[in-house]
Amino acid sequence: MKMTTLTANELRALLKQSAAFKNAQAILADEWGARAEENPLFRAPISVADLQFAKNLQATGVSQRGVDFEDYAAVQDWIAANRQFLTETDLAWLQRPFD
């Protein structure tokens, strides 16, 4: 099994609780949509960097929650629930492991 570690930037974001970390946490907590509803100005799509950071937080054990990025059905369900916040690049990244 390949061991995953956080990058230097990800570790810094975790320690500082930066916007990148909060984005990743929102993905894992399934709160991206709630953030958009609370703040109509927050309509930013999810980025691949956000998804990768969320996946790395899970893989390193920092977070135990969220979509299982290794499970095809779980990823498809998550895509369906969050489609409005995803770009075509995000979709390709999410589906790439299953191609």
N, C-alpha and C. Protein backbone atom coordinates (compact mmCIF):
# COMPACT_ATOMS: atom_id res chain seq x y z
N MET A 1 0.84 -1.19 0.00
CA MET A 1 0.00 0.00 0.00
C MET A 1 0.88 1.25 0.00
N LYS A 2 0.58 2.16 -0.87
CA LYS A 2 1.34 3.40 -0.97
C LYS A 2 0.99 4.33 0.19
N MET A 3 2.03 4.82 0.86
CA MET A 3 1.80 5.75 1.96
C MET A 3 1.64 7.17 1.41
N THR A 4 0.63 7.84 1.86
CA THR A 4 0.39 9.21 1.42
C THR A 4 0.82 10.17 2.51
N THR A 5 1.46 11.24 2.12
CA THR A 5 1.83 12.30 3.05
C THR A 5 1.31 13.62 2.50
N LEU A 6 1.14 14.56 3.38
CA LEU A 6 0.73 15.89 2.95
C LEU A 6 1.93 16.61 2.36
N THR A 7 1.67 17.43 1.36
CA THR A 7 2.74 18.27 0.81
C THR A 7 3.05 19.36 1.83
N ALA A 8 4.16 20.04 1.61
CA ALA A 8 4.53 21.14 2.50
C ALA A 8 3.43 22.21 2.53
N ASN A 9 2.88 22.52 1.37
CA ASN A 9 1.81 23.53 1.30
C ASN A 9 0.56 23.05 2.02
N GLU A 10 0.23 21.76 1.87
CA GLU A 10 -0.95 21.21 2.55
C GLU A 10 -0.75 21.22 4.06
N LEU A 11 0.44 20.85 4.51
CA LEU A 11 0.72 20.85 5.94
C LEU A 11 0.63 22.27 6.51
N ARG A 12 1.17 23.22 5.78
CA ARG A 12 1.09 24.63 6.20
C ARG A 12 -0.37 25.08 6.27
N ALA A 13 -1.17 24.70 5.27
CA ALA A 13 -2.59 25.06 5.25
C ALA A 13 -3.32 24.43 6.43
N LEU A 14 -2.98 23.18 6.75
CA LEU A 14 -3.58 22.51 7.90
C LEU A 14 -3.24 23.24 9.19
N LEU A 15 -1.98 23.55 9.39
CA LEU A 15 -1.55 24.20 10.62
C LEU A 15 -2.15 25.60 10.78
N LYS A 16 -2.27 26.31 9.66
CA LYS A 16 -2.80 27.68 9.69
C LYS A 16 -4.31 27.72 9.56
N GLN A 17 -4.93 26.54 9.31
CA GLN A 17 -6.38 26.48 9.09
C GLN A 17 -6.79 27.48 8.00
N SER A 18 -6.05 27.45 6.91
CA SER A 18 -6.23 28.40 5.81
C SER A 18 -7.50 28.11 5.01
N ALA A 19 -7.76 28.97 4.03
CA ALA A 19 -8.93 28.80 3.16
C ALA A 19 -8.86 27.46 2.42
N ALA A 20 -7.66 27.06 1.99
CA ALA A 20 -7.52 25.77 1.29
C ALA A 20 -7.92 24.62 2.21
N PHE A 21 -7.51 24.67 3.46
CA PHE A 21 -7.89 23.64 4.42
C PHE A 21 -9.40 23.66 4.67
N LYS A 22 -9.96 24.85 4.81
CA LYS A 22 -11.40 24.96 5.04
C LYS A 22 -12.19 24.44 3.84
N ASN A 23 -11.68 24.67 2.63
CA ASN A 23 -12.33 24.12 1.44
C ASN A 23 -12.31 22.60 1.47
N ALA A 24 -11.16 22.03 1.77
CA ALA A 24 -11.05 20.57 1.84
C ALA A 24 -11.97 20.01 2.92
N GLN A 25 -12.02 20.66 4.05
CA GLN A 25 -12.90 20.22 5.14
C GLN A 25 -14.36 20.32 4.73
N ALA A 26 -14.71 21.36 3.99
CA ALA A 26 -16.10 21.51 3.53
C ALA A 26 -16.48 20.36 2.59
N ILE A 27 -15.53 19.93 1.76
CA ILE A 27 -15.78 18.79 0.88
C ILE A 27 -16.01 17.53 1.71
N LEU A 28 -15.11 17.29 2.67
CA LEU A 28 -15.20 16.08 3.49
C LEU A 28 -16.43 16.07 4.39
N ALA A 29 -16.85 17.24 4.84
CA ALA A 29 -18.03 17.34 5.71
C ALA A 29 -19.32 17.46 4.90
N ASP A 30 -19.19 17.47 3.58
CA ASP A 30 -20.33 17.63 2.68
C ASP A 30 -21.08 18.93 2.98
N GLU A 31 -20.30 20.00 3.15
CA GLU A 31 -20.87 21.31 3.50
C GLU A 31 -20.64 22.38 2.43
N TRP A 32 -20.14 21.99 1.27
CA TRP A 32 -19.87 23.00 0.24
C TRP A 32 -21.15 23.73 -0.16
N GLY A 33 -22.21 22.99 -0.35
CA GLY A 33 -23.48 23.59 -0.73
C GLY A 33 -24.03 24.50 0.35
N ALA A 34 -23.89 24.10 1.61
CA ALA A 34 -24.36 24.94 2.72
C ALA A 34 -23.59 26.24 2.77
N ARG A 35 -22.29 26.19 2.47
CA ARG A 35 -21.49 27.41 2.45
C ARG A 35 -21.98 28.35 1.36
N ALA A 36 -22.36 27.80 0.23
CA ALA A 36 -22.85 28.61 -0.88
C ALA A 36 -24.18 29.26 -0.54
N GLU A 37 -25.04 28.53 0.19
CA GLU A 37 -26.34 29.08 0.58
C GLU A 37 -26.19 30.16 1.64
N GLU A 38 -25.26 29.97 2.57
CA GLU A 38 -25.04 30.96 3.64
C GLU A 38 -24.50 32.27 3.09
N ASN A 39 -23.67 32.17 2.07
CA ASN A 39 -23.04 33.35 1.51
C ASN A 39 -23.22 33.33 -0.01
N PRO A 40 -24.21 34.06 -0.51
CA PRO A 40 -24.48 34.04 -1.96
C PRO A 40 -23.27 34.48 -2.79
N LEU A 41 -22.32 35.19 -2.18
CA LEU A 41 -21.13 35.59 -2.92
C LEU A 41 -20.16 34.42 -3.07
N PHE A 42 -20.33 33.39 -2.23
CA PHE A 42 -19.47 32.21 -2.30
C PHE A 42 -20.07 31.23 -3.30
N ARG A 43 -19.78 31.43 -4.55
CA ARG A 43 -20.29 30.55 -5.59
C ARG A 43 -19.13 29.88 -6.33
N ALA A 44 -17.97 29.90 -5.72
CA ALA A 44 -16.80 29.32 -6.37
C ALA A 44 -16.97 27.82 -6.55
N PRO A 45 -16.60 27.33 -7.71
CA PRO A 45 -16.66 25.88 -7.90
C PRO A 45 -15.56 25.20 -7.10
N ILE A 46 -15.75 23.94 -6.84
CA ILE A 46 -14.72 23.13 -6.21
C ILE A 46 -13.59 22.98 -7.23
N SER A 47 -12.36 23.01 -6.74
CA SER A 47 -11.22 22.84 -7.65
C SER A 47 -10.59 21.46 -7.45
N VAL A 48 -9.80 21.05 -8.42
CA VAL A 48 -9.07 19.79 -8.29
C VAL A 48 -8.13 19.86 -7.08
N ALA A 49 -7.53 21.03 -6.85
CA ALA A 49 -6.65 21.19 -5.68
C ALA A 49 -7.42 20.95 -4.39
N ASP A 50 -8.67 21.44 -4.31
CA ASP A 50 -9.51 21.20 -3.13
C ASP A 50 -9.77 19.71 -2.96
N LEU A 51 -10.09 19.04 -4.06
CA LEU A 51 -10.38 17.61 -4.01
C LEU A 51 -9.15 16.81 -3.62
N GLN A 52 -8.00 17.16 -4.19
CA GLN A 52 -6.76 16.44 -3.88
C GLN A 52 -6.40 16.62 -2.42
N PHE A 53 -6.54 17.83 -1.90
CA PHE A 53 -6.24 18.10 -0.49
C PHE A 53 -7.18 17.29 0.40
N ALA A 54 -8.46 17.26 0.06
CA ALA A 54 -9.42 16.48 0.84
C ALA A 54 -9.03 15.00 0.83
N LYS A 55 -8.68 14.49 -0.34
CA LYS A 55 -8.28 13.09 -0.46
C LYS A 55 -7.02 12.81 0.37
N ASN A 56 -6.07 13.72 0.33
CA ASN A 56 -4.84 13.55 1.11
C ASN A 56 -5.10 13.62 2.61
N LEU A 57 -6.03 14.48 3.03
CA LEU A 57 -6.38 14.54 4.45
C LEU A 57 -6.94 13.21 4.92
N GLN A 58 -7.73 12.58 4.08
CA GLN A 58 -8.27 11.25 4.41
C GLN A 58 -7.17 10.21 4.43
N ALA A 59 -6.36 10.20 3.39
CA ALA A 59 -5.34 9.16 3.23
C ALA A 59 -4.30 9.19 4.34
N THR A 60 -4.06 10.37 4.89
CA THR A 60 -3.07 10.49 5.97
C THR A 60 -3.69 10.29 7.34
N GLY A 61 -5.01 10.14 7.39
CA GLY A 61 -5.68 9.93 8.67
C GLY A 61 -6.04 11.19 9.41
N VAL A 62 -5.79 12.35 8.80
CA VAL A 62 -6.15 13.62 9.44
C VAL A 62 -7.66 13.73 9.55
N SER A 63 -8.35 13.24 8.53
CA SER A 63 -9.81 13.26 8.53
C SER A 63 -10.32 11.86 8.26
N GLN A 64 -11.32 11.45 9.00
CA GLN A 64 -11.91 10.12 8.83
C GLN A 64 -13.26 10.18 8.12
N ARG A 65 -13.70 11.36 7.75
CA ARG A 65 -15.04 11.50 7.18
C ARG A 65 -14.96 11.83 5.70
N GLY A 66 -16.12 11.85 5.09
CA GLY A 66 -16.23 12.28 3.71
C GLY A 66 -16.36 11.13 2.73
N VAL A 67 -16.45 11.50 1.47
CA VAL A 67 -16.61 10.53 0.39
C VAL A 67 -15.39 9.62 0.33
N ASP A 68 -15.63 8.35 0.06
CA ASP A 68 -14.54 7.40 -0.14
C ASP A 68 -14.11 7.53 -1.61
N PHE A 69 -12.99 8.21 -1.83
CA PHE A 69 -12.53 8.49 -3.19
C PHE A 69 -12.12 7.24 -3.95
N GLU A 70 -12.01 6.10 -3.25
CA GLU A 70 -11.61 4.84 -3.88
C GLU A 70 -12.82 3.98 -4.27
N ASP A 71 -14.02 4.40 -3.88
CA ASP A 71 -15.24 3.62 -4.11
C ASP A 71 -16.04 4.26 -5.25
N TYR A 72 -16.18 3.53 -6.35
CA TYR A 72 -16.84 4.08 -7.54
C TYR A 72 -18.26 4.57 -7.23
N ALA A 73 -19.05 3.75 -6.56
CA ALA A 73 -20.44 4.13 -6.27
C ALA A 73 -20.50 5.36 -5.37
N ALA A 74 -19.61 5.42 -4.38
CA ALA A 74 -19.59 6.57 -3.47
C ALA A 74 -19.22 7.84 -4.22
N VAL A 75 -18.25 7.74 -5.11
CA VAL A 75 -17.85 8.91 -5.90
C VAL A 75 -18.99 9.35 -6.81
N GLN A 76 -19.66 8.41 -7.45
CA GLN A 76 -20.77 8.76 -8.34
C GLN A 76 -21.91 9.43 -7.57
N ASP A 77 -22.21 8.91 -6.39
CA ASP A 77 -23.25 9.53 -5.54
C ASP A 77 -22.84 10.94 -5.14
N TRP A 78 -21.57 11.10 -4.78
CA TRP A 78 -21.08 12.41 -4.34
C TRP A 78 -21.13 13.40 -5.51
N ILE A 79 -20.75 12.94 -6.69
CA ILE A 79 -20.83 13.79 -7.89
C ILE A 79 -22.27 14.23 -8.13
N ALA A 80 -23.21 13.31 -8.04
CA ALA A 80 -24.62 13.64 -8.28
C ALA A 80 -25.10 14.69 -7.29
N ALA A 81 -24.68 14.58 -6.04
CA ALA A 81 -25.13 15.53 -5.01
C ALA A 81 -24.45 16.89 -5.11
N ASN A 82 -23.28 16.95 -5.74
CA ASN A 82 -22.49 18.18 -5.78
C ASN A 82 -22.21 18.69 -7.19
N ARG A 83 -22.93 18.17 -8.16
CA ARG A 83 -22.67 18.47 -9.57
C ARG A 83 -22.62 19.96 -9.87
N GLN A 84 -23.47 20.73 -9.23
CA GLN A 84 -23.52 22.17 -9.53
C GLN A 84 -22.25 22.91 -9.13
N PHE A 85 -21.43 22.30 -8.27
CA PHE A 85 -20.20 22.95 -7.81
C PHE A 85 -18.95 22.41 -8.50
N LEU A 86 -19.14 21.46 -9.42
CA LEU A 86 -18.01 20.79 -10.06
C LEU A 86 -17.82 21.27 -11.50
N THR A 87 -16.55 21.39 -11.89
CA THR A 87 -16.21 21.71 -13.28
C THR A 87 -15.96 20.40 -14.03
N GLU A 88 -15.84 20.51 -15.34
CA GLU A 88 -15.53 19.32 -16.14
C GLU A 88 -14.17 18.74 -15.73
N THR A 89 -13.23 19.59 -15.37
CA THR A 89 -11.91 19.14 -14.92
C THR A 89 -12.04 18.35 -13.63
N ASP A 90 -12.88 18.83 -12.71
CA ASP A 90 -13.13 18.10 -11.46
C ASP A 90 -13.69 16.71 -11.74
N LEU A 91 -14.68 16.67 -12.62
CA LEU A 91 -15.31 15.39 -12.96
C LEU A 91 -14.29 14.41 -13.53
N ALA A 92 -13.45 14.89 -14.42
CA ALA A 92 -12.43 14.03 -15.02
C ALA A 92 -11.49 13.51 -13.93
N TRP A 93 -11.09 14.38 -13.01
CA TRP A 93 -10.18 13.98 -11.93
C TRP A 93 -10.83 12.93 -11.03
N LEU A 94 -12.08 13.15 -10.67
CA LEU A 94 -12.80 12.21 -9.79
C LEU A 94 -12.97 10.85 -10.45
N GLN A 95 -13.21 10.83 -11.75
CA GLN A 95 -13.51 9.59 -12.45
C GLN A 95 -12.26 8.88 -13.01
N ARG A 96 -11.15 9.58 -13.05
CA ARG A 96 -9.91 9.02 -13.62
C ARG A 96 -9.50 7.68 -13.00
N PRO A 97 -9.55 7.50 -11.68
CA PRO A 97 -9.11 6.21 -11.12
C PRO A 97 -9.96 5.01 -11.59
N PHE A 98 -11.12 5.27 -12.12
CA PHE A 98 -12.03 4.20 -12.49
C PHE A 98 -12.06 3.94 -14.00
N ASP A 99 -11.30 4.71 -14.76
CA ASP A 99 -11.26 4.53 -16.22
C ASP A 99 -10.45 3.33 -16.61
